[in-house]
Amino acid sequence: QVRLVESGGGLVQAGGSLSLSCAASGSRFSINDMAWYRQAPGKQRELVAAITRSGSTNYADSVKDRFTISRDNAKNTVVLQMASLKPEDTAVYYCHINGRSGIYGTRALDVWGQGTQVTVSS
């Protein structure tokens, strides 16, 4: 079974920076895409940033030029560096991965982290 462990959330003032990390652990799995989503109170979960195994990235318009996603394929980790944070970035941030698992890689892998709170004060 594959697990995701997130870290790095917290409280920061507007204009500040935070870095979120997510590490995948388990056996017999291969990750394709890694992503960060967020969910603010009363709102739907939304994609923040995603990165493919080859390093192609995709960002929500609201975070472009402020957030940077990166990954280490050897360590099965993904990092979201957040800068120039705004109060509207306040949310629970979730790590997500997809890929394949199992001895022959025939099972679909779709795993969410437990979430980490990011609070930006004005």
PDB file of N, CA and C in Angstrom:
ATOM      1  N   GLN A   1       0.849  -1.189   0.000  1.00  0.00           N
ATOM      2  CA  GLN A   1       0.000   0.000   0.000  1.00  0.00           C
ATOM      3  C   GLN A   1       0.888   1.243   0.000  1.00  0.00           C
ATOM      4  N   VAL A   2       0.503   2.215  -0.789  1.00  0.00           N
ATOM      5  CA  VAL A   2       1.291   3.436  -0.913  1.00  0.00           C
ATOM      6  C   VAL A   2       0.691   4.517  -0.025  1.00  0.00           C
ATOM      7  N   ARG A   3       1.547   5.171   0.733  1.00  0.00           N
ATOM      8  CA  ARG A   3       1.120   6.254   1.612  1.00  0.00           C
ATOM      9  C   ARG A   3       1.812   7.539   1.217  1.00  0.00           C
ATOM     10  N   LEU A   4       1.125   8.652   1.462  1.00  0.00           N
ATOM     11  CA  LEU A   4       1.703   9.969   1.261  1.00  0.00           C
ATOM     12  C   LEU A   4       1.780  10.680   2.607  1.00  0.00           C
ATOM     13  N   VAL A   5       2.921  11.265   2.883  1.00  0.00           N
ATOM     14  CA  VAL A   5       3.094  12.034   4.107  1.00  0.00           C
ATOM     15  C   VAL A   5       3.480  13.455   3.721  1.00  0.00           C
ATOM     16  N   GLU A   6       2.657  14.404   4.152  1.00  0.00           N
ATOM     17  CA  GLU A   6       2.871  15.811   3.839  1.00  0.00           C
ATOM     18  C   GLU A   6       3.448  16.532   5.050  1.00  0.00           C
ATOM     19  N   SER A   7       4.172  17.594   4.765  1.00  0.00           N
ATOM     20  CA  SER A   7       4.708  18.423   5.841  1.00  0.00           C
ATOM     21  C   SER A   7       4.927  19.837   5.320  1.00  0.00           C
ATOM     22  N   GLY A   8       5.035  20.774   6.261  1.00  0.00           N
ATOM     23  CA  GLY A   8       5.420  22.120   5.881  1.00  0.00           C
ATOM     24  C   GLY A   8       4.357  23.173   5.978  1.00  0.00           C
ATOM     25  N   GLY A   9       3.144  22.809   6.312  1.00  0.00           N
ATOM     26  CA  GLY A   9       2.116  23.819   6.430  1.00  0.00           C
ATOM     27  C   GLY A   9       2.333  24.690   7.661  1.00  0.00           C
ATOM     28  N   GLY A  10       1.499  25.699   7.793  1.00  0.00           N
ATOM     29  CA  GLY A  10       1.604  26.561   8.958  1.00  0.00           C
ATOM     30  C   GLY A  10       0.970  27.911   8.743  1.00  0.00           C
ATOM     31  N   LEU A  11       1.310  28.830   9.626  1.00  0.00           N
ATOM     32  CA  LEU A  11       0.770  30.190   9.605  1.00  0.00           C
ATOM     33  C   LEU A  11       1.855  31.144   9.120  1.00  0.00           C
ATOM     34  N   VAL A  12       1.477  32.006   8.177  1.00  0.00           N
ATOM     35  CA  VAL A  12       2.440  32.959   7.631  1.00  0.00           C
ATOM     36  C   VAL A  12       1.713  34.259   7.330  1.00  0.00           C
ATOM     37  N   GLN A  13       2.431  35.346   7.397  1.00  0.00           N
ATOM     38  CA  GLN A  13       1.838  36.639   7.062  1.00  0.00           C
ATOM     39  C   GLN A  13       1.779  36.814   5.545  1.00  0.00           C
ATOM     40  N   ALA A  14       0.851  37.622   5.110  1.00  0.00           N
ATOM     41  CA  ALA A  14       0.738  37.925   3.686  1.00  0.00           C
ATOM     42  C   ALA A  14       2.069  38.454   3.164  1.00  0.00           C
ATOM     43  N   GLY A  15       2.438  37.956   1.993  1.00  0.00           N
ATOM     44  CA  GLY A  15       3.716  38.328   1.407  1.00  0.00           C
ATOM     45  C   GLY A  15       4.835  37.370   1.745  1.00  0.00           C
ATOM     46  N   GLY A  16       4.571  36.481   2.687  1.00  0.00           N
ATOM     47  CA  GLY A  16       5.583  35.532   3.115  1.00  0.00           C
ATOM     48  C   GLY A  16       5.648  34.304   2.228  1.00  0.00           C
ATOM     49  N   SER A  17       6.489  33.353   2.658  1.00  0.00           N
ATOM     50  CA  SER A  17       6.723  32.136   1.881  1.00  0.00           C
ATOM     51  C   SER A  17       6.578  30.894   2.753  1.00  0.00           C
ATOM     52  N   LEU A  18       6.208  29.812   2.122  1.00  0.00           N
ATOM     53  CA  LEU A  18       6.148  28.509   2.769  1.00  0.00           C
ATOM     54  C   LEU A  18       6.505  27.459   1.740  1.00  0.00           C
ATOM     55  N   SER A  19       6.993  26.329   2.223  1.00  0.00           N
ATOM     56  CA  SER A  19       7.296  25.216   1.340  1.00  0.00           C
ATOM     57  C   SER A  19       6.616  23.969   1.873  1.00  0.00           C
ATOM     58  N   LEU A  20       5.883  23.295   1.018  1.00  0.00           N
ATOM     59  CA  LEU A  20       5.207  22.047   1.377  1.00  0.00           C
ATOM     60  C   LEU A  20       5.945  20.880   0.730  1.00  0.00           C
ATOM     61  N   SER A  21       6.060  19.804   1.488  1.00  0.00           N
ATOM     62  CA  SER A  21       6.702  18.603   0.974  1.00  0.00           C
ATOM     63  C   SER A  21       5.774  17.416   1.095  1.00  0.00           C
ATOM     64  N   CYS A  22       5.928  16.478   0.194  1.00  0.00           N
ATOM     65  CA  CYS A  22       5.116  15.265   0.204  1.00  0.00           C
ATOM     66  C   CYS A  22       6.004  14.106  -0.217  1.00  0.00           C
ATOM     67  N   ALA A  23       5.999  13.054   0.587  1.00  0.00           N
ATOM     68  CA  ALA A  23       6.821  11.887   0.285  1.00  0.00           C
ATOM     69  C   ALA A  23       5.936  10.662   0.178  1.00  0.00           C
ATOM     70  N   ALA A  24       6.139   9.888  -0.874  1.00  0.00           N
ATOM     71  CA  ALA A  24       5.395   8.651  -1.081  1.00  0.00           C
ATOM     72  C   ALA A  24       6.235   7.476  -0.619  1.00  0.00           C
ATOM     73  N   SER A  25       5.589   6.565   0.086  1.00  0.00           N
ATOM     74  CA  SER A  25       6.284   5.374   0.548  1.00  0.00           C
ATOM     75  C   SER A  25       5.427   4.150   0.310  1.00  0.00           C
ATOM     76  N   GLY A  26       6.095   3.009   0.187  1.00  0.00           N
ATOM     77  CA  GLY A  26       5.391   1.763  -0.065  1.00  0.00           C
ATOM     78  C   GLY A  26       6.279   0.876  -0.902  1.00  0.00           C
ATOM     79  N   SER A  27       5.682  -0.092  -1.542  1.00  0.00           N
ATOM     80  CA  SER A  27       6.468  -0.988  -2.385  1.00  0.00           C
ATOM     81  C   SER A  27       5.768  -1.218  -3.713  1.00  0.00           C
ATOM     82  N   ARG A  28       6.577  -1.486  -4.714  1.00  0.00           N
ATOM     83  CA  ARG A  28       6.072  -1.862  -6.036  1.00  0.00           C
ATOM     84  C   ARG A  28       5.100  -0.832  -6.585  1.00  0.00           C
ATOM     85  N   PHE A  29       5.591   0.363  -6.755  1.00  0.00           N
ATOM     86  CA  PHE A  29       4.754   1.366  -7.369  1.00  0.00           C
ATOM     87  C   PHE A  29       5.587   2.293  -8.243  1.00  0.00           C
ATOM     88  N   SER A  30       4.921   2.897  -9.191  1.00  0.00           N
ATOM     89  CA  SER A  30       5.560   3.841 -10.093  1.00  0.00           C
ATOM     90  C   SER A  30       4.640   5.042 -10.238  1.00  0.00           C
ATOM     91  N   ILE A  31       5.186   6.230 -10.015  1.00  0.00           N
ATOM     92  CA  ILE A  31       4.367   7.437 -10.031  1.00  0.00           C
ATOM     93  C   ILE A  31       4.456   8.126 -11.393  1.00  0.00           C
ATOM     94  N   ASN A  32       3.298   8.475 -11.929  1.00  0.00           N
ATOM     95  CA  ASN A  32       3.268   9.278 -13.150  1.00  0.00           C
ATOM     96  C   ASN A  32       3.214  10.758 -12.777  1.00  0.00           C
ATOM     97  N   ASP A  33       2.056  11.216 -12.406  1.00  0.00           N
ATOM     98  CA  ASP A  33       1.863  12.627 -12.073  1.00  0.00           C
ATOM     99  C   ASP A  33       1.824  12.837 -10.566  1.00  0.00           C
ATOM    100  N   MET A  34       2.372  13.970 -10.146  1.00  0.00           N
ATOM    101  CA  MET A  34       2.277  14.394  -8.748  1.00  0.00           C
ATOM    102  C   MET A  34       1.667  15.794  -8.743  1.00  0.00           C
ATOM    103  N   ALA A  35       0.843  16.049  -7.754  1.00  0.00           N
ATOM    104  CA  ALA A  35       0.130  17.331  -7.767  1.00  0.00           C
ATOM    105  C   ALA A  35      -0.200  17.791  -6.362  1.00  0.00           C
ATOM    106  N   TRP A  36      -0.472  19.078  -6.279  1.00  0.00           N
ATOM    107  CA  TRP A  36      -0.995  19.676  -5.051  1.00  0.00           C
ATOM    108  C   TRP A  36      -2.361  20.269  -5.362  1.00  0.00           C
ATOM    109  N   TYR A  37      -3.308  19.959  -4.491  1.00  0.00           N
ATOM    110  CA  TYR A  37      -4.639  20.547  -4.546  1.00  0.00           C
ATOM    111  C   TYR A  37      -4.847  21.320  -3.250  1.00  0.00           C
ATOM    112  N   ARG A  38      -5.866  22.148  -3.236  1.00  0.00           N
ATOM    113  CA  ARG A  38      -6.218  22.825  -1.998  1.00  0.00           C
ATOM    114  C   ARG A  38      -7.732  22.967  -1.900  1.00  0.00           C
ATOM    115  N   GLN A  39      -8.168  23.055  -0.653  1.00  0.00           N
ATOM    116  CA  GLN A  39      -9.599  23.231  -0.406  1.00  0.00           C
ATOM    117  C   GLN A  39      -9.772  24.232   0.721  1.00  0.00           C
ATOM    118  N   ALA A  40     -10.397  25.339   0.386  1.00  0.00           N
ATOM    119  CA  ALA A  40     -10.703  26.366   1.373  1.00  0.00           C
ATOM    120  C   ALA A  40     -12.087  26.085   1.956  1.00  0.00           C
ATOM    121  N   PRO A  41     -12.390  26.588   3.156  1.00  0.00           N
ATOM    122  CA  PRO A  41     -13.691  26.343   3.768  1.00  0.00           C
ATOM    123  C   PRO A  41     -14.828  26.782   2.849  1.00  0.00           C
ATOM    124  N   GLY A  42     -15.777  25.891   2.660  1.00  0.00           N
ATOM    125  CA  GLY A  42     -16.940  26.201   1.847  1.00  0.00           C
ATOM    126  C   GLY A  42     -16.697  26.173   0.346  1.00  0.00           C
ATOM    127  N   LYS A  43     -15.510  25.766  -0.065  1.00  0.00           N
ATOM    128  CA  LYS A  43     -15.198  25.737  -1.493  1.00  0.00           C
ATOM    129  C   LYS A  43     -14.798  24.337  -1.922  1.00  0.00           C
ATOM    130  N   GLN A  44     -14.861  24.116  -3.242  1.00  0.00           N
ATOM    131  CA  GLN A  44     -14.463  22.821  -3.770  1.00  0.00           C
ATOM    132  C   GLN A  44     -12.939  22.703  -3.804  1.00  0.00           C
ATOM    133  N   ARG A  45     -12.490  21.471  -3.787  1.00  0.00           N
ATOM    134  CA  ARG A  45     -11.058  21.233  -3.920  1.00  0.00           C
ATOM    135  C   ARG A  45     -10.624  21.630  -5.333  1.00  0.00           C
ATOM    136  N   GLU A  46      -9.499  22.306  -5.414  1.00  0.00           N
ATOM    137  CA  GLU A  46      -9.019  22.771  -6.718  1.00  0.00           C
ATOM    138  C   GLU A  46      -7.557  22.419  -6.919  1.00  0.00           C
ATOM    139  N   LEU A  47      -7.195  22.224  -8.175  1.00  0.00           N
ATOM    140  CA  LEU A  47      -5.809  21.948  -8.518  1.00  0.00           C
ATOM    141  C   LEU A  47      -4.981  23.223  -8.363  1.00  0.00           C
ATOM    142  N   VAL A  48      -3.852  23.081  -7.678  1.00  0.00           N
ATOM    143  CA  VAL A  48      -2.930  24.197  -7.521  1.00  0.00           C
ATOM    144  C   VAL A  48      -1.785  24.082  -8.524  1.00  0.00           C
ATOM    145  N   ALA A  49      -1.153  22.919  -8.526  1.00  0.00           N
ATOM    146  CA  ALA A  49      -0.023  22.704  -9.430  1.00  0.00           C
ATOM    147  C   ALA A  49       0.176  21.210  -9.624  1.00  0.00           C
ATOM    148  N   ALA A  50       0.665  20.842 -10.794  1.00  0.00           N
ATOM    149  CA  ALA A  50       0.923  19.441 -11.100  1.00  0.00           C
ATOM    150  C   ALA A  50       2.229  19.333 -11.880  1.00  0.00           C
ATOM    151  N   ILE A  51       2.847  18.156 -11.767  1.00  0.00           N
ATOM    152  CA  ILE A  51       4.095  17.919 -12.486  1.00  0.00           C
ATOM    153  C   ILE A  51       4.122  16.473 -12.948  1.00  0.00           C
ATOM    154  N   THR A  52       4.494  16.276 -14.212  1.00  0.00           N
ATOM    155  CA  THR A  52       4.584  14.934 -14.753  1.00  0.00           C
ATOM    156  C   THR A  52       5.938  14.315 -14.401  1.00  0.00           C
ATOM    157  N   ARG A  53       6.077  13.057 -14.698  1.00  0.00           N
ATOM    158  CA  ARG A  53       7.317  12.362 -14.401  1.00  0.00           C
ATOM    159  C   ARG A  53       8.497  12.987 -15.164  1.00  0.00           C
ATOM    160  N   SER A  54       8.212  13.491 -16.340  1.00  0.00           N
ATOM    161  CA  SER A  54       9.266  14.106 -17.146  1.00  0.00           C
ATOM    162  C   SER A  54       9.537  15.558 -16.772  1.00  0.00           C
ATOM    163  N   GLY A  55       8.718  16.100 -15.863  1.00  0.00           N
ATOM    164  CA  GLY A  55       8.982  17.443 -15.376  1.00  0.00           C
ATOM    165  C   GLY A  55       8.121  18.549 -15.946  1.00  0.00           C
ATOM    166  N   SER A  56       7.168  18.205 -16.782  1.00  0.00           N
ATOM    167  CA  SER A  56       6.248  19.230 -17.285  1.00  0.00           C
ATOM    168  C   SER A  56       5.329  19.675 -16.162  1.00  0.00           C
ATOM    169  N   THR A  57       5.089  20.975 -16.097  1.00  0.00           N
ATOM    170  CA  THR A  57       4.304  21.521 -14.994  1.00  0.00           C
ATOM    171  C   THR A  57       3.056  22.241 -15.484  1.00  0.00           C
ATOM    172  N   ASN A  58       2.101  22.344 -14.568  1.00  0.00           N
ATOM    173  CA  ASN A  58       0.841  23.016 -14.846  1.00  0.00           C
ATOM    174  C   ASN A  58       0.423  23.725 -13.571  1.00  0.00           C
ATOM    175  N   TYR A  59       0.012  24.993 -13.690  1.00  0.00           N
ATOM    176  CA  TYR A  59      -0.358  25.774 -12.513  1.00  0.00           C
ATOM    177  C   TYR A  59      -1.738  26.399 -12.670  1.00  0.00           C
ATOM    178  N   ALA A  60      -2.429  26.548 -11.565  1.00  0.00           N
ATOM    179  CA  ALA A  60      -3.652  27.331 -11.570  1.00  0.00           C
ATOM    180  C   ALA A  60      -3.273  28.781 -11.845  1.00  0.00           C
ATOM    181  N   ASP A  61      -4.139  29.478 -12.556  1.00  0.00           N
ATOM    182  CA  ASP A  61      -3.843  30.874 -12.897  1.00  0.00           C
ATOM    183  C   ASP A  61      -3.576  31.715 -11.648  1.00  0.00           C
ATOM    184  N   SER A  62      -4.275  31.390 -10.575  1.00  0.00           N
ATOM    185  CA  SER A  62      -4.182  32.195  -9.356  1.00  0.00           C
ATOM    186  C   SER A  62      -2.829  32.088  -8.665  1.00  0.00           C
ATOM    187  N   VAL A  63      -2.025  31.076  -9.011  1.00  0.00           N
ATOM    188  CA  VAL A  63      -0.736  30.897  -8.338  1.00  0.00           C
ATOM    189  C   VAL A  63       0.447  31.012  -9.276  1.00  0.00           C
ATOM    190  N   LYS A  64       0.181  31.179 -10.564  1.00  0.00           N
ATOM    191  CA  LYS A  64       1.283  31.304 -11.520  1.00  0.00           C
ATOM    192  C   LYS A  64       2.205  32.438 -11.116  1.00  0.00           C
ATOM    193  N   ASP A  65       3.477  32.227 -11.283  1.00  0.00           N
ATOM    194  CA  ASP A  65       4.531  33.202 -10.975  1.00  0.00           C
ATOM    195  C   ASP A  65       4.745  33.388  -9.473  1.00  0.00           C
ATOM    196  N   ARG A  66       3.977  32.666  -8.646  1.00  0.00           N
ATOM    197  CA  ARG A  66       4.192  32.746  -7.196  1.00  0.00           C
ATOM    198  C   ARG A  66       4.573  31.396  -6.601  1.00  0.00           C
ATOM    199  N   PHE A  67       4.022  30.321  -7.167  1.00  0.00           N
ATOM    200  CA  PHE A  67       4.284  28.981  -6.653  1.00  0.00           C
ATOM    201  C   PHE A  67       5.139  28.207  -7.650  1.00  0.00           C
ATOM    202  N   THR A  68       5.955  27.300  -7.116  1.00  0.00           N
ATOM    203  CA  THR A  68       6.787  26.453  -7.960  1.00  0.00           C
ATOM    204  C   THR A  68       6.687  25.013  -7.459  1.00  0.00           C
ATOM    205  N   ILE A  69       6.382  24.104  -8.365  1.00  0.00           N
ATOM    206  CA  ILE A  69       6.318  22.694  -8.021  1.00  0.00           C
ATOM    207  C   ILE A  69       7.544  21.992  -8.594  1.00  0.00           C
ATOM    208  N   SER A  70       8.084  21.056  -7.811  1.00  0.00           N
ATOM    209  CA  SER A  70       9.234  20.274  -8.262  1.00  0.00           C
ATOM    210  C   SER A  70       9.136  18.885  -7.663  1.00  0.00           C
ATOM    211  N   ARG A  71       9.865  17.949  -8.234  1.00  0.00           N
ATOM    212  CA  ARG A  71       9.814  16.576  -7.735  1.00  0.00           C
ATOM    213  C   ARG A  71      11.174  15.922  -7.858  1.00  0.00           C
ATOM    214  N   ASP A  72      11.340  14.896  -7.043  1.00  0.00           N
ATOM    215  CA  ASP A  72      12.535  14.069  -7.090  1.00  0.00           C
ATOM    216  C   ASP A  72      12.064  12.650  -7.348  1.00  0.00           C
ATOM    217  N   ASN A  73      12.249  12.168  -8.558  1.00  0.00           N
ATOM    218  CA  ASN A  73      11.731  10.842  -8.915  1.00  0.00           C
ATOM    219  C   ASN A  73      12.423   9.730  -8.141  1.00  0.00           C
ATOM    220  N   ALA A  74      13.676   9.905  -7.836  1.00  0.00           N
ATOM    221  CA  ALA A  74      14.407   8.867  -7.102  1.00  0.00           C
ATOM    222  C   ALA A  74      13.913   8.729  -5.670  1.00  0.00           C
ATOM    223  N   LYS A  75      13.459   9.838  -5.101  1.00  0.00           N
ATOM    224  CA  LYS A  75      12.999   9.828  -3.706  1.00  0.00           C
ATOM    225  C   LYS A  75      11.483   9.805  -3.591  1.00  0.00           C
ATOM    226  N   ASN A  76      10.793   9.856  -4.735  1.00  0.00           N
ATOM    227  CA  ASN A  76       9.316   9.876  -4.727  1.00  0.00           C
ATOM    228  C   ASN A  76       8.774  11.016  -3.879  1.00  0.00           C
ATOM    229  N   THR A  77       9.326  12.186  -4.083  1.00  0.00           N
ATOM    230  CA  THR A  77       8.888  13.357  -3.325  1.00  0.00           C
ATOM    231  C   THR A  77       8.485  14.485  -4.270  1.00  0.00           C
ATOM    232  N   VAL A  78       7.607  15.321  -3.772  1.00  0.00           N
ATOM    233  CA  VAL A  78       7.191  16.509  -4.515  1.00  0.00           C
ATOM    234  C   VAL A  78       7.154  17.675  -3.538  1.00  0.00           C
ATOM    235  N   VAL A  79       7.600  18.824  -4.007  1.00  0.00           N
ATOM    236  CA  VAL A  79       7.670  20.020  -3.178  1.00  0.00           C
ATOM    237  C   VAL A  79       6.907  21.151  -3.850  1.00  0.00           C
ATOM    238  N   LEU A  80       6.176  21.893  -3.052  1.00  0.00           N
ATOM    239  CA  LEU A  80       5.493  23.086  -3.549  1.00  0.00           C
ATOM    240  C   LEU A  80       6.073  24.285  -2.800  1.00  0.00           C
ATOM    241  N   GLN A  81       6.784  25.112  -3.509  1.00  0.00           N
ATOM    242  CA  GLN A  81       7.331  26.327  -2.918  1.00  0.00           C
ATOM    243  C   GLN A  81       6.362  27.455  -3.205  1.00  0.00           C
ATOM    244  N   MET A  82       5.934  28.111  -2.138  1.00  0.00           N
ATOM    245  CA  MET A  82       4.923  29.156  -2.251  1.00  0.00           C
ATOM    246  C   MET A  82       5.518  30.481  -1.799  1.00  0.00           C
ATOM    247  N   ALA A  83       5.404  31.481  -2.641  1.00  0.00           N
ATOM    248  CA  ALA A  83       5.928  32.801  -2.322  1.00  0.00           C
ATOM    249  C   ALA A  83       4.833  33.844  -2.532  1.00  0.00           C
ATOM    250  N   SER A  84       5.080  35.017  -2.001  1.00  0.00           N
ATOM    251  CA  SER A  84       4.111  36.121  -2.119  1.00  0.00           C
ATOM    252  C   SER A  84       2.712  35.650  -1.743  1.00  0.00           C
ATOM    253  N   LEU A  85       2.620  34.972  -0.635  1.00  0.00           N
ATOM    254  CA  LEU A  85       1.341  34.380  -0.221  1.00  0.00           C
ATOM    255  C   LEU A  85       0.312  35.446   0.091  1.00  0.00           C
ATOM    256  N   LYS A  86      -0.935  35.098  -0.225  1.00  0.00           N
ATOM    257  CA  LYS A  86      -2.057  35.997  -0.021  1.00  0.00           C
ATOM    258  C   LYS A  86      -3.060  35.335   0.913  1.00  0.00           C
ATOM    259  N   PRO A  87      -3.885  36.121   1.599  1.00  0.00           N
ATOM    260  CA  PRO A  87      -4.902  35.518   2.471  1.00  0.00           C
ATOM    261  C   PRO A  87      -5.788  34.524   1.716  1.00  0.00           C
ATOM    262  N   GLU A  88      -6.041  34.762   0.450  1.00  0.00           N
ATOM    263  CA  GLU A  88      -6.888  33.841  -0.318  1.00  0.00           C
ATOM    264  C   GLU A  88      -6.194  32.514  -0.632  1.00  0.00           C
ATOM    265  N   ASP A  89      -4.924  32.381  -0.299  1.00  0.00           N
ATOM    266  CA  ASP A  89      -4.237  31.096  -0.424  1.00  0.00           C
ATOM    267  C   ASP A  89      -4.507  30.195   0.780  1.00  0.00           C
ATOM    268  N   THR A  90      -5.173  30.726   1.783  1.00  0.00           N
ATOM    269  CA  THR A  90      -5.493  29.945   2.971  1.00  0.00           C
ATOM    270  C   THR A  90      -6.376  28.761   2.609  1.00  0.00           C
ATOM    271  N   ALA A  91      -5.940  27.572   2.972  1.00  0.00           N
ATOM    272  CA  ALA A  91      -6.672  26.345   2.633  1.00  0.00           C
ATOM    273  C   ALA A  91      -5.941  25.152   3.233  1.00  0.00           C
ATOM    274  N   VAL A  92      -6.595  24.009   3.145  1.00  0.00           N
ATOM    275  CA  VAL A  92      -5.909  22.752   3.407  1.00  0.00           C
ATOM    276  C   VAL A  92      -5.329  22.287   2.071  1.00  0.00           C
ATOM    277  N   TYR A  93      -4.058  22.002   2.066  1.00  0.00           N
ATOM    278  CA  TYR A  93      -3.360  21.596   0.849  1.00  0.00           C
ATOM    279  C   TYR A  93      -3.150  20.083   0.875  1.00  0.00           C
ATOM    280  N   TYR A  94      -3.512  19.445  -0.237  1.00  0.00           N
ATOM    281  CA  TYR A  94      -3.432  17.994  -0.357  1.00  0.00           C
ATOM    282  C   TYR A  94      -2.460  17.607  -1.468  1.00  0.00           C
ATOM    283  N   CYS A  95      -1.661  16.624  -1.178  1.00  0.00           N
ATOM    284  CA  CYS A  95      -0.781  16.023  -2.180  1.00  0.00           C
ATOM    285  C   CYS A  95      -1.548  14.885  -2.856  1.00  0.00           C
ATOM    286  N   HIS A  96      -1.320  14.705  -4.134  1.00  0.00           N
ATOM    287  CA  HIS A  96      -1.979  13.620  -4.873  1.00  0.00           C
ATOM    288  C   HIS A  96      -0.998  13.022  -5.882  1.00  0.00           C
ATOM    289  N   ILE A  97      -1.058  11.710  -6.015  1.00  0.00           N
ATOM    290  CA  ILE A  97      -0.241  11.045  -7.020  1.00  0.00           C
ATOM    291  C   ILE A  97      -1.097  10.061  -7.808  1.00  0.00           C
ATOM    292  N   ASN A  98      -0.682   9.786  -9.040  1.00  0.00           N
ATOM    293  CA  ASN A  98      -1.269   8.683  -9.795  1.00  0.00           C
ATOM    294  C   ASN A  98      -0.152   7.910 -10.472  1.00  0.00           C
ATOM    295  N   GLY A  99      -0.465   6.696 -10.854  1.00  0.00           N
ATOM    296  CA  GLY A  99       0.545   5.860 -11.484  1.00  0.00           C
ATOM    297  C   GLY A  99       0.084   4.427 -11.529  1.00  0.00           C
ATOM    298  N   ARG A 100       1.061   3.521 -11.302  1.00  0.00           N
ATOM    299  CA  ARG A 100       0.758   2.099 -11.336  1.00  0.00           C
ATOM    300  C   ARG A 100       1.358   1.434 -10.108  1.00  0.00           C
ATOM    301  N   SER A 101       0.770   0.317  -9.720  1.00  0.00           N
ATOM    302  CA  SER A 101       1.301  -0.424  -8.579  1.00  0.00           C
ATOM    303  C   SER A 101       1.116  -1.913  -8.804  1.00  0.00           C
ATOM    304  N   GLY A 102       1.667  -2.704  -7.884  1.00  0.00           N
ATOM    305  CA  GLY A 102       1.544  -4.150  -7.989  1.00  0.00           C
ATOM    306  C   GLY A 102       2.774  -4.779  -8.616  1.00  0.00           C
ATOM    307  N   ILE A 103       2.857  -6.078  -8.510  1.00  0.00           N
ATOM    308  CA  ILE A 103       4.023  -6.819  -8.991  1.00  0.00           C
ATOM    309  C   ILE A 103       4.241  -6.572 -10.484  1.00  0.00           C
ATOM    310  N   TYR A 104       3.180  -6.561 -11.238  1.00  0.00           N
ATOM    311  CA  TYR A 104       3.293  -6.380 -12.689  1.00  0.00           C
ATOM    312  C   TYR A 104       2.890  -4.975 -13.132  1.00  0.00           C
ATOM    313  N   GLY A 105       2.646  -4.104 -12.166  1.00  0.00           N
ATOM    314  CA  GLY A 105       2.270  -2.737 -12.519  1.00  0.00           C
ATOM    315  C   GLY A 105       0.916  -2.633 -13.188  1.00  0.00           C
ATOM    316  N   THR A 106       0.043  -3.536 -12.833  1.00  0.00           N
ATOM    317  CA  THR A 106      -1.254  -3.568 -13.513  1.00  0.00           C
ATOM    318  C   THR A 106      -2.359  -2.856 -12.753  1.00  0.00           C
ATOM    319  N   ARG A 107      -2.046  -2.456 -11.520  1.00  0.00           N
ATOM    320  CA  ARG A 107      -3.080  -1.766 -10.735  1.00  0.00           C
ATOM    321  C   ARG A 107      -2.903  -0.264 -10.837  1.00  0.00           C
ATOM    322  N   ALA A 108      -4.017   0.405 -10.957  1.00  0.00           N
ATOM    323  CA  ALA A 108      -3.974   1.870 -10.995  1.00  0.00           C
ATOM    324  C   ALA A 108      -3.653   2.405  -9.603  1.00  0.00           C
ATOM    325  N   LEU A 109      -2.856   3.427  -9.581  1.00  0.00           N
ATOM    326  CA  LEU A 109      -2.463   4.071  -8.327  1.00  0.00           C
ATOM    327  C   LEU A 109      -3.076   5.463  -8.278  1.00  0.00           C
ATOM    328  N   ASP A 110      -3.798   5.744  -7.225  1.00  0.00           N
ATOM    329  CA  ASP A 110      -4.469   7.029  -7.081  1.00  0.00           C
ATOM    330  C   ASP A 110      -4.557   7.306  -5.578  1.00  0.00           C
ATOM    331  N   VAL A 111      -3.654   8.116  -5.085  1.00  0.00           N
ATOM    332  CA  VAL A 111      -3.515   8.275  -3.635  1.00  0.00           C
ATOM    333  C   VAL A 111      -3.526   9.750  -3.243  1.00  0.00           C
ATOM    334  N   TRP A 112      -4.226  10.046  -2.145  1.00  0.00           N
ATOM    335  CA  TRP A 112      -4.268  11.397  -1.572  1.00  0.00           C
ATOM    336  C   TRP A 112      -3.544  11.418  -0.239  1.00  0.00           C
ATOM    337  N   GLY A 113      -2.920  12.529   0.038  1.00  0.00           N
ATOM    338  CA  GLY A 113      -2.352  12.748   1.359  1.00  0.00           C
ATOM    339  C   GLY A 113      -3.428  13.173   2.338  1.00  0.00           C
ATOM    340  N   GLN A 114      -3.041  13.319   3.602  1.00  0.00           N
ATOM    341  CA  GLN A 114      -4.009  13.646   4.640  1.00  0.00           C
ATOM    342  C   GLN A 114      -4.330  15.135   4.704  1.00  0.00           C
ATOM    343  N   GLY A 115      -3.520  15.932   4.038  1.00  0.00           N
ATOM    344  CA  GLY A 115      -3.748  17.377   4.011  1.00  0.00           C
ATOM    345  C   GLY A 115      -2.927  18.108   5.054  1.00  0.00           C
ATOM    346  N   THR A 116      -2.529  19.317   4.705  1.00  0.00           N
ATOM    347  CA  THR A 116      -1.784  20.167   5.640  1.00  0.00           C
ATOM    348  C   THR A 116      -2.333  21.587   5.531  1.00  0.00           C
ATOM    349  N   GLN A 117      -2.560  22.200   6.683  1.00  0.00           N
ATOM    350  CA  GLN A 117      -3.191  23.514   6.713  1.00  0.00           C
ATOM    351  C   GLN A 117      -2.183  24.615   6.421  1.00  0.00           C
ATOM    352  N   VAL A 118      -2.575  25.508   5.529  1.00  0.00           N
ATOM    353  CA  VAL A 118      -1.810  26.724   5.269  1.00  0.00           C
ATOM    354  C   VAL A 118      -2.723  27.904   5.569  1.00  0.00           C
ATOM    355  N   THR A 119      -2.280  28.763   6.457  1.00  0.00           N
ATOM    356  CA  THR A 119      -3.059  29.939   6.828  1.00  0.00           C
ATOM    357  C   THR A 119      -2.222  31.188   6.587  1.00  0.00           C
ATOM    358  N   VAL A 120      -2.774  32.100   5.805  1.00  0.00           N
ATOM    359  CA  VAL A 120      -2.080  33.345   5.488  1.00  0.00           C
ATOM    360  C   VAL A 120      -2.858  34.490   6.122  1.00  0.00           C
ATOM    361  N   SER A 121      -2.219  35.180   7.030  1.00  0.00           N
ATOM    362  CA  SER A 121      -2.879  36.289   7.730  1.00  0.00           C
ATOM    363  C   SER A 121      -2.611  37.607   6.997  1.00  0.00           C
ATOM    364  N   SER A 122      -3.588  38.480   7.080  1.00  0.00           N
ATOM    365  CA  SER A 122      -3.457  39.774   6.371  1.00  0.00           C
ATOM    366  C   SER A 122      -2.807  40.825   7.249  1.00  0.00           C
TER     367      SER A 122
END
